[in-house]
Amino acid sequence: MTNLERLQIEIQQSGFTDVELSVFLEESSLSPSEDYNPSSNENKKAIYQTALSCLEAIANNPQLMANRKFDDQSVDDFADSLQNRIDQLERKIRQLPSSDDVGAKSNTFMLFNR
């Protein structure tokens, strides 16, 4: 699975083309055609940050929201669920470790060394 395919799973039915998603991935320093590494926290975090950028782009474009067809949802409901998803991704990004270093998994640190 490539980074592009993984991003498409994360933001299903977003309305972005593959070219646009590739630009979002490259802005997050990921190659769209490179293999996705699910065991890498850095890779997961970059995918989540890219998905967050995509969702923020949708939220910042009122014209795009107005043009969306909703079967069982009003525009207000869509905006609320979009904001909830953005908040959820932000929490997930904050909770992921920043590196893949095995020694950096501890949540404690040494304040005094004596």
C-alpha atoms as a PDB file:
ATOM      1  CA  MET A   1       0.000   0.000   0.000  1.00  0.00           C
ATOM      2  CA  THR A   2       1.375   3.419  -0.912  1.00  0.00           C
ATOM      3  CA  ASN A   3       1.155   6.639   1.090  1.00  0.00           C
ATOM      4  CA  LEU A   4      -1.432   7.928  -1.382  1.00  0.00           C
ATOM      5  CA  GLU A   5      -3.641   4.858  -0.914  1.00  0.00           C
ATOM      6  CA  ARG A   6      -3.353   5.145   2.885  1.00  0.00           C
ATOM      7  CA  LEU A   7      -4.352   8.815   2.757  1.00  0.00           C
ATOM      8  CA  GLN A   8      -7.351   7.944   0.573  1.00  0.00           C
ATOM      9  CA  ILE A   9      -8.474   5.466   3.240  1.00  0.00           C
ATOM     10  CA  GLU A  10      -8.134   8.122   5.939  1.00  0.00           C
ATOM     11  CA  ILE A  11     -10.185  10.770   4.101  1.00  0.00           C
ATOM     12  CA  GLN A  12     -12.680   8.728   2.115  1.00  0.00           C
ATOM     13  CA  GLN A  13     -14.950  10.598  -0.305  1.00  0.00           C
ATOM     14  CA  SER A  14     -13.212  13.930   0.231  1.00  0.00           C
ATOM     15  CA  GLY A  15     -13.561  15.013  -3.392  1.00  0.00           C
ATOM     16  CA  PHE A  16      -9.837  15.619  -3.892  1.00  0.00           C
ATOM     17  CA  THR A  17      -8.099  14.276  -6.995  1.00  0.00           C
ATOM     18  CA  ASP A  18      -4.988  12.097  -6.764  1.00  0.00           C
ATOM     19  CA  VAL A  19      -2.893  15.047  -7.950  1.00  0.00           C
ATOM     20  CA  GLU A  20      -4.237  17.273  -5.165  1.00  0.00           C
ATOM     21  CA  LEU A  21      -3.687  14.551  -2.564  1.00  0.00           C
ATOM     22  CA  SER A  22      -0.138  14.097  -3.871  1.00  0.00           C
ATOM     23  CA  VAL A  23       0.530  17.789  -3.274  1.00  0.00           C
ATOM     24  CA  PHE A  24      -0.761  17.473   0.297  1.00  0.00           C
ATOM     25  CA  LEU A  25       1.522  14.455   0.836  1.00  0.00           C
ATOM     26  CA  GLU A  26       4.552  16.246  -0.586  1.00  0.00           C
ATOM     27  CA  GLU A  27       3.868  19.210   1.711  1.00  0.00           C
ATOM     28  CA  SER A  28       4.148  16.724   4.595  1.00  0.00           C
ATOM     29  CA  SER A  29       7.467  15.406   3.202  1.00  0.00           C
ATOM     30  CA  LEU A  30       5.945  12.128   2.007  1.00  0.00           C
ATOM     31  CA  SER A  31       6.251  10.615  -1.436  1.00  0.00           C
ATOM     32  CA  PRO A  32       2.841   9.530  -2.793  1.00  0.00           C
ATOM     33  CA  SER A  33       4.293   6.453  -4.519  1.00  0.00           C
ATOM     34  CA  GLU A  34       6.432   5.335  -1.571  1.00  0.00           C
ATOM     35  CA  ASP A  35       5.274   2.321   0.440  1.00  0.00           C
ATOM     36  CA  TYR A  36       3.353   3.091   3.621  1.00  0.00           C
ATOM     37  CA  ASN A  37       5.040   1.713   6.739  1.00  0.00           C
ATOM     38  CA  PRO A  38       2.333   1.003   9.357  1.00  0.00           C
ATOM     39  CA  SER A  39       4.889   0.210  12.064  1.00  0.00           C
ATOM     40  CA  SER A  40       6.509   3.654  11.795  1.00  0.00           C
ATOM     41  CA  ASN A  41       5.102   6.280  14.155  1.00  0.00           C
ATOM     42  CA  GLU A  42       6.696   9.006  12.035  1.00  0.00           C
ATOM     43  CA  ASN A  43       4.889   7.726   8.941  1.00  0.00           C
ATOM     44  CA  LYS A  44       1.544   7.442  10.760  1.00  0.00           C
ATOM     45  CA  LYS A  45       1.911  10.937  12.170  1.00  0.00           C
ATOM     46  CA  ALA A  46       2.732  12.367   8.739  1.00  0.00           C
ATOM     47  CA  ILE A  47      -0.325  10.651   7.205  1.00  0.00           C
ATOM     48  CA  TYR A  48      -2.572  11.991   9.987  1.00  0.00           C
ATOM     49  CA  GLN A  49      -1.116  15.495   9.561  1.00  0.00           C
ATOM     50  CA  THR A  50      -1.751  15.279   5.821  1.00  0.00           C
ATOM     51  CA  ALA A  51      -5.340  14.136   6.426  1.00  0.00           C
ATOM     52  CA  LEU A  52      -5.757  17.028   8.853  1.00  0.00           C
ATOM     53  CA  SER A  53      -4.519  19.462   6.189  1.00  0.00           C
ATOM     54  CA  CYS A  54      -7.009  18.032   3.696  1.00  0.00           C
ATOM     55  CA  LEU A  55      -9.929  18.345   6.113  1.00  0.00           C
ATOM     56  CA  GLU A  56      -8.902  21.883   7.050  1.00  0.00           C
ATOM     57  CA  ALA A  57      -8.840  22.755   3.346  1.00  0.00           C
ATOM     58  CA  ILE A  58     -12.435  21.538   3.071  1.00  0.00           C
ATOM     59  CA  ALA A  59     -13.443  23.455   6.209  1.00  0.00           C
ATOM     60  CA  ASN A  60     -11.803  26.655   4.932  1.00  0.00           C
ATOM     61  CA  ASN A  61     -13.686  26.554   1.635  1.00  0.00           C
ATOM     62  CA  PRO A  62     -17.355  27.451   2.225  1.00  0.00           C
ATOM     63  CA  GLN A  63     -18.104  27.165  -1.496  1.00  0.00           C
ATOM     64  CA  LEU A  64     -16.977  23.542  -1.453  1.00  0.00           C
ATOM     65  CA  MET A  65     -19.253  22.800   1.502  1.00  0.00           C
ATOM     66  CA  ALA A  66     -22.185  24.524  -0.179  1.00  0.00           C
ATOM     67  CA  ASN A  67     -21.736  22.431  -3.335  1.00  0.00           C
ATOM     68  CA  ARG A  68     -21.692  19.091  -1.489  1.00  0.00           C
ATOM     69  CA  LYS A  69     -24.805  16.956  -1.848  1.00  0.00           C
ATOM     70  CA  PHE A  70     -26.136  15.581   1.394  1.00  0.00           C
ATOM     71  CA  ASP A  71     -28.546  12.671   1.529  1.00  0.00           C
ATOM     72  CA  ASP A  72     -29.387  12.741   5.202  1.00  0.00           C
ATOM     73  CA  GLN A  73     -27.271  15.611   6.511  1.00  0.00           C
ATOM     74  CA  SER A  74     -27.634  19.372   6.547  1.00  0.00           C
ATOM     75  CA  VAL A  75     -24.663  21.637   5.850  1.00  0.00           C
ATOM     76  CA  ASP A  76     -24.560  22.490   9.570  1.00  0.00           C
ATOM     77  CA  ASP A  77     -24.407  18.805  10.492  1.00  0.00           C
ATOM     78  CA  PHE A  78     -21.651  18.270   7.935  1.00  0.00           C
ATOM     79  CA  ALA A  79     -19.678  21.206   9.341  1.00  0.00           C
ATOM     80  CA  ASP A  80     -20.080  19.859  12.880  1.00  0.00           C
ATOM     81  CA  SER A  81     -18.981  16.348  11.939  1.00  0.00           C
ATOM     82  CA  LEU A  82     -16.058  17.776   9.950  1.00  0.00           C
ATOM     83  CA  GLN A  83     -14.937  19.832  12.950  1.00  0.00           C
ATOM     84  CA  ASN A  84     -15.282  16.779  15.210  1.00  0.00           C
ATOM     85  CA  ARG A  85     -13.090  14.763  12.829  1.00  0.00           C
ATOM     86  CA  ILE A  86     -10.499  17.573  12.763  1.00  0.00           C
ATOM     87  CA  ASP A  87     -10.451  17.637  16.582  1.00  0.00           C
ATOM     88  CA  GLN A  88     -10.137  13.843  16.682  1.00  0.00           C
ATOM     89  CA  LEU A  89      -7.164  13.894  14.289  1.00  0.00           C
ATOM     90  CA  GLU A  90      -5.458  16.665  16.282  1.00  0.00           C
ATOM     91  CA  ARG A  91      -5.766  14.584  19.471  1.00  0.00           C
ATOM     92  CA  LYS A  92      -4.463  11.488  17.692  1.00  0.00           C
ATOM     93  CA  ILE A  93      -1.460  13.417  16.337  1.00  0.00           C
ATOM     94  CA  ARG A  94      -0.629  14.827  19.778  1.00  0.00           C
ATOM     95  CA  GLN A  95      -0.775  11.370  21.372  1.00  0.00           C
ATOM     96  CA  LEU A  96       1.490   9.643  18.840  1.00  0.00           C
ATOM     97  CA  PRO A  97       5.187   9.495  19.754  1.00  0.00           C
ATOM     98  CA  SER A  98       7.282  11.782  17.575  1.00  0.00           C
ATOM     99  CA  SER A  99       9.956   9.254  16.773  1.00  0.00           C
ATOM    100  CA  ASP A 100      10.379   5.550  16.160  1.00  0.00           C
ATOM    101  CA  ASP A 101      13.192   5.364  18.727  1.00  0.00           C
ATOM    102  CA  VAL A 102      12.498   2.440  21.067  1.00  0.00           C
ATOM    103  CA  GLY A 103      14.299   4.145  23.964  1.00  0.00           C
ATOM    104  CA  ALA A 104      12.085   7.213  23.696  1.00  0.00           C
ATOM    105  CA  LYS A 105       8.888   5.361  24.646  1.00  0.00           C
ATOM    106  CA  SER A 106       8.958   6.466  28.280  1.00  0.00           C
ATOM    107  CA  ASN A 107       6.608   9.209  29.411  1.00  0.00           C
ATOM    108  CA  THR A 108       8.877  10.103  32.325  1.00  0.00           C
ATOM    109  CA  PHE A 109      12.062  12.086  32.445  1.00  0.00           C
ATOM    110  CA  MET A 110      14.825  12.646  34.977  1.00  0.00           C
ATOM    111  CA  LEU A 111      14.456  16.056  36.565  1.00  0.00           C
ATOM    112  CA  PHE A 112      17.191  15.714  39.182  1.00  0.00           C
ATOM    113  CA  ASN A 113      20.234  13.521  38.932  1.00  0.00           C
ATOM    114  CA  ARG A 114      21.522  12.984  42.439  1.00  0.00           C
END
